[in-house]
């Protein structure tokens, strides 16, 4: 990998995470998206000004045309610097590449620059009360009327909907259609009459997931990606962008959490338990395997030949992270039952345990991931 590029990234982060942004270090992340949000949004704009957002996008659309290796380097150094969790990752990592691949030139000119600059934030309107893991059961509908789409329905588990400016919504536009037929992929402004966002309080006491109700919400007729009825194909493409170079940066965060668990076990004396020591060793081995698998994934993606390691990545890291949360409980012992402060201020390891319970559910539950591996990778018959 390019040592010069790594040094450039490291120097920039060291220089910029000072002054007003010194306090942003370590803020945000799963279960902590409420932390320093406005400061992190300002940081997102600083990244955009300096050209450190959307690295892999073509230069024509505001990116750097960065190689996969350069993207990996950036995410690794970003995590090592303990830089704040990004507020624009859904725009940059999901809808941005989808617009590049499926959008019209007019859509690219309208939507890509504000994402690159950090000016507009996005959320994902996929899951519904009856269409979570079974996404093809979407019931939210949209009808054309007077040059607009009129949307009615409900989405749930919508990350960051309460701060998003736009939502990409998978909805049914052909009356009487079922399953993956008759779906369309709409780009919908969030700040309008007919859109109601209700935060969902999590075990951590925070609320980064939301219910979103569309009651006659509107978006322009041109704000559709792909053709009407082609939404399923576009939606699957968006899901494919989730497994990118940022996973290696994520694993540096995982390693930091693992080290915190070990430190807690030493402090409380739980490290003297040979069973716990064995679990910690096994967790470390699995973390190393996770990194090797991620590197294999990057290699296959760079070659344009994604292999089975792409399918197992989410299942593997989410199950591992959930077990790490359980290890944190064992390492803390009785301390885990006492909040850091009232009324409900959690320590990092308490938050790790509580939030990691969701890891095996969101972005594709473990049950669904196993079905995908069985059917699409191993070629077994459908369940």
Foldseek 3Di string as FASTA:
>chain_A
DDPVLLVVLLVVLVVPCDDLNVVQQQADDFLGPVGPVVSLLVVLLVCLVVQNALQCDDVVLSHVVDAQVSLLSNLQSCLVSSGHDHQACCVNQFVLVLCVVFNDPVVSVPRRVCSSNSNFHEKEFFADPVDALNRQAAAWEWEDDPQKTWIFDKGWQIFQLVPGQKYWHWHAYDPPDGGLFRIWTFIFGQPDPQWDWAFDQFPLRDTRIIMIGGDRGIDGPSRTGHDGGCHSVSVVVSLLSVLGSSVSSVLSVVVVLLVVLVVLLVVVVVCVPVVLVVVSVVLVVLSVVLNVLSVVQSVCVSVVHGALSSLCNLLSVLVSQQVSLVSSCSSNDPVLVDAPDPDRHHDPSNSSNRSSVCSCRPSHHNVRSVQCCVCVHVNHDHD
